[in-house]
């Protein structure tokens, strides 16, 4: 069994950021946070981005025709914000799009576990 203290991240600053998140993805995050895991939406987003591995070629998925992106204020660890900035620079896509890709992949992994 894993040691209890390995369940937690080392303390660091959290950065507030505005991001447009797809409504369906946000609704699923909210459901997971309220009913399934002992974690906030921000911490789930942070973990999804932390776990995101983008290859040399990024496949941007097509969102549903009636899907609406809503600007949300999120809080992520400073190291995760730096990762987002590096990915934005490397791939030339917005931080919001990277966050949505991370959330989509994270939710798919969670739902298929």
C-alpha atoms as a PDB file:
ATOM      1  CA  UNK A   1       0.000   0.000   0.000  1.00  0.00           C
ATOM      2  CA  UNK A   2       1.176   3.495  -0.832  1.00  0.00           C
ATOM      3  CA  UNK A   3       2.356   5.715   2.015  1.00  0.00           C
ATOM      4  CA  UNK A   4      -0.280   8.277   3.022  1.00  0.00           C
ATOM      5  CA  UNK A   5       1.923  11.296   2.335  1.00  0.00           C
ATOM      6  CA  UNK A   6       2.430  10.279  -1.294  1.00  0.00           C
ATOM      7  CA  UNK A   7      -1.219  11.103  -1.941  1.00  0.00           C
ATOM      8  CA  UNK A   8      -0.485  14.836  -1.668  1.00  0.00           C
ATOM      9  CA  UNK A   9       1.397  17.347  -3.795  1.00  0.00           C
ATOM     10  CA  UNK A  10       4.206  19.447  -2.370  1.00  0.00           C
ATOM     11  CA  UNK A  11       2.998  22.935  -1.423  1.00  0.00           C
ATOM     12  CA  UNK A  12       3.272  25.536  -4.159  1.00  0.00           C
ATOM     13  CA  UNK A  13       1.515  28.704  -5.273  1.00  0.00           C
ATOM     14  CA  UNK A  14      -1.752  28.491  -7.162  1.00  0.00           C
ATOM     15  CA  UNK A  15      -2.379  30.692 -10.212  1.00  0.00           C
ATOM     16  CA  UNK A  16      -5.797  32.068 -11.147  1.00  0.00           C
ATOM     17  CA  UNK A  17      -6.526  31.866 -14.880  1.00  0.00           C
ATOM     18  CA  UNK A  18      -9.552  32.438 -17.076  1.00  0.00           C
ATOM     19  CA  UNK A  19     -10.249  29.634 -19.536  1.00  0.00           C
ATOM     20  CA  UNK A  20     -13.089  28.735 -21.861  1.00  0.00           C
ATOM     21  CA  UNK A  21     -14.251  25.239 -20.976  1.00  0.00           C
ATOM     22  CA  UNK A  22     -16.778  23.228 -22.959  1.00  0.00           C
ATOM     23  CA  UNK A  23     -20.088  22.972 -21.146  1.00  0.00           C
ATOM     24  CA  UNK A  24     -20.370  19.162 -21.279  1.00  0.00           C
ATOM     25  CA  UNK A  25     -16.835  18.731 -19.957  1.00  0.00           C
ATOM     26  CA  UNK A  26     -17.441  21.185 -17.124  1.00  0.00           C
ATOM     27  CA  UNK A  27     -20.742  19.497 -16.220  1.00  0.00           C
ATOM     28  CA  UNK A  28     -18.968  16.114 -16.002  1.00  0.00           C
ATOM     29  CA  UNK A  29     -16.205  17.625 -13.842  1.00  0.00           C
ATOM     30  CA  UNK A  30     -18.855  19.078 -11.549  1.00  0.00           C
ATOM     31  CA  UNK A  31     -20.580  15.695 -11.270  1.00  0.00           C
ATOM     32  CA  UNK A  32     -17.306  13.932 -10.458  1.00  0.00           C
ATOM     33  CA  UNK A  33     -16.382  16.561  -7.841  1.00  0.00           C
ATOM     34  CA  UNK A  34     -19.797  16.535  -6.182  1.00  0.00           C
ATOM     35  CA  UNK A  35     -20.618  12.824  -6.246  1.00  0.00           C
ATOM     36  CA  UNK A  36     -17.562  10.680  -6.928  1.00  0.00           C
ATOM     37  CA  UNK A  37     -14.210  12.059  -5.770  1.00  0.00           C
ATOM     38  CA  UNK A  38     -13.037  14.058  -2.797  1.00  0.00           C
ATOM     39  CA  UNK A  39     -11.631  16.795  -5.032  1.00  0.00           C
ATOM     40  CA  UNK A  40     -12.621  20.225  -6.296  1.00  0.00           C
ATOM     41  CA  UNK A  41     -13.155  20.971  -9.976  1.00  0.00           C
ATOM     42  CA  UNK A  42      -9.931  23.023  -9.925  1.00  0.00           C
ATOM     43  CA  UNK A  43      -7.932  20.134  -8.494  1.00  0.00           C
ATOM     44  CA  UNK A  44      -9.351  17.740 -11.083  1.00  0.00           C
ATOM     45  CA  UNK A  45      -8.448  20.163 -13.903  1.00  0.00           C
ATOM     46  CA  UNK A  46      -4.968  20.569 -12.384  1.00  0.00           C
ATOM     47  CA  UNK A  47      -4.520  16.778 -12.277  1.00  0.00           C
ATOM     48  CA  UNK A  48      -5.788  16.349 -15.859  1.00  0.00           C
ATOM     49  CA  UNK A  49      -3.280  18.911 -17.168  1.00  0.00           C
ATOM     50  CA  UNK A  50      -0.523  17.384 -15.042  1.00  0.00           C
ATOM     51  CA  UNK A  51      -1.271  13.981 -16.600  1.00  0.00           C
ATOM     52  CA  UNK A  52      -1.547  15.307 -20.181  1.00  0.00           C
ATOM     53  CA  UNK A  53       1.035  13.928 -22.604  1.00  0.00           C
ATOM     54  CA  UNK A  54       0.954  15.562 -26.025  1.00  0.00           C
ATOM     55  CA  UNK A  55       2.845  13.938 -28.881  1.00  0.00           C
ATOM     56  CA  UNK A  56       4.671  15.717 -31.705  1.00  0.00           C
ATOM     57  CA  UNK A  57       1.399  15.949 -33.603  1.00  0.00           C
ATOM     58  CA  UNK A  58      -1.585  17.228 -31.659  1.00  0.00           C
ATOM     59  CA  UNK A  59      -4.995  15.976 -32.762  1.00  0.00           C
ATOM     60  CA  UNK A  60      -7.578  18.600 -32.025  1.00  0.00           C
ATOM     61  CA  UNK A  61     -10.986  16.985 -31.717  1.00  0.00           C
ATOM     62  CA  UNK A  62     -14.088  18.513 -33.210  1.00  0.00           C
ATOM     63  CA  UNK A  63     -16.525  19.776 -30.644  1.00  0.00           C
ATOM     64  CA  UNK A  64     -20.247  19.174 -30.924  1.00  0.00           C
ATOM     65  CA  UNK A  65     -22.157  21.629 -33.110  1.00  0.00           C
ATOM     66  CA  UNK A  66     -24.359  22.876 -30.261  1.00  0.00           C
ATOM     67  CA  UNK A  67     -21.580  22.835 -27.634  1.00  0.00           C
ATOM     68  CA  UNK A  68     -20.911  26.153 -25.922  1.00  0.00           C
ATOM     69  CA  UNK A  69     -17.633  27.179 -24.327  1.00  0.00           C
ATOM     70  CA  UNK A  70     -18.081  29.154 -21.128  1.00  0.00           C
ATOM     71  CA  UNK A  71     -15.365  31.370 -19.670  1.00  0.00           C
ATOM     72  CA  UNK A  72     -14.491  30.027 -16.228  1.00  0.00           C
ATOM     73  CA  UNK A  73     -12.082  31.229 -13.633  1.00  0.00           C
ATOM     74  CA  UNK A  74      -9.859  28.316 -12.659  1.00  0.00           C
ATOM     75  CA  UNK A  75      -6.973  27.911 -10.254  1.00  0.00           C
ATOM     76  CA  UNK A  76      -4.011  25.641 -11.055  1.00  0.00           C
ATOM     77  CA  UNK A  77      -0.649  25.049  -9.434  1.00  0.00           C
ATOM     78  CA  UNK A  78       2.108  27.357 -10.633  1.00  0.00           C
ATOM     79  CA  UNK A  79       4.029  24.420 -12.176  1.00  0.00           C
ATOM     80  CA  UNK A  80       0.930  23.412 -14.137  1.00  0.00           C
ATOM     81  CA  UNK A  81       0.492  26.973 -15.394  1.00  0.00           C
ATOM     82  CA  UNK A  82       4.114  26.901 -16.598  1.00  0.00           C
ATOM     83  CA  UNK A  83       3.399  23.594 -18.368  1.00  0.00           C
ATOM     84  CA  UNK A  84       0.365  25.176 -20.060  1.00  0.00           C
ATOM     85  CA  UNK A  85       2.497  28.120 -21.218  1.00  0.00           C
ATOM     86  CA  UNK A  86       5.169  25.761 -22.597  1.00  0.00           C
ATOM     87  CA  UNK A  87       2.562  23.694 -24.459  1.00  0.00           C
ATOM     88  CA  UNK A  88       0.935  26.854 -25.862  1.00  0.00           C
ATOM     89  CA  UNK A  89       4.302  28.039 -27.125  1.00  0.00           C
ATOM     90  CA  UNK A  90       5.301  24.633 -28.547  1.00  0.00           C
ATOM     91  CA  UNK A  91       2.040  23.805 -30.343  1.00  0.00           C
ATOM     92  CA  UNK A  92       0.647  27.270 -31.077  1.00  0.00           C
ATOM     93  CA  UNK A  93      -2.786  26.530 -29.638  1.00  0.00           C
ATOM     94  CA  UNK A  94      -4.583  28.394 -26.894  1.00  0.00           C
ATOM     95  CA  UNK A  95      -4.317  27.507 -23.228  1.00  0.00           C
ATOM     96  CA  UNK A  96      -8.111  27.051 -23.184  1.00  0.00           C
ATOM     97  CA  UNK A  97      -7.877  24.443 -25.951  1.00  0.00           C
ATOM     98  CA  UNK A  98      -5.055  22.632 -24.135  1.00  0.00           C
ATOM     99  CA  UNK A  99      -7.121  22.594 -20.940  1.00  0.00           C
ATOM    100  CA  UNK A 100     -10.137  21.190 -22.817  1.00  0.00           C
ATOM    101  CA  UNK A 101      -7.974  18.472 -24.403  1.00  0.00           C
ATOM    102  CA  UNK A 102      -6.573  17.578 -20.966  1.00  0.00           C
ATOM    103  CA  UNK A 103     -10.030  17.468 -19.374  1.00  0.00           C
ATOM    104  CA  UNK A 104     -11.479  15.387 -22.236  1.00  0.00           C
ATOM    105  CA  UNK A 105      -8.626  12.854 -22.040  1.00  0.00           C
ATOM    106  CA  UNK A 106      -8.737  12.817 -18.239  1.00  0.00           C
ATOM    107  CA  UNK A 107     -12.479  12.181 -18.123  1.00  0.00           C
ATOM    108  CA  UNK A 108     -12.190   9.437 -20.760  1.00  0.00           C
ATOM    109  CA  UNK A 109      -9.493   7.691 -18.707  1.00  0.00           C
ATOM    110  CA  UNK A 110     -11.548   8.088 -15.529  1.00  0.00           C
ATOM    111  CA  UNK A 111     -14.771   6.800 -17.099  1.00  0.00           C
ATOM    112  CA  UNK A 112     -12.986   3.827 -18.735  1.00  0.00           C
ATOM    113  CA  UNK A 113     -11.018   2.755 -15.652  1.00  0.00           C
END
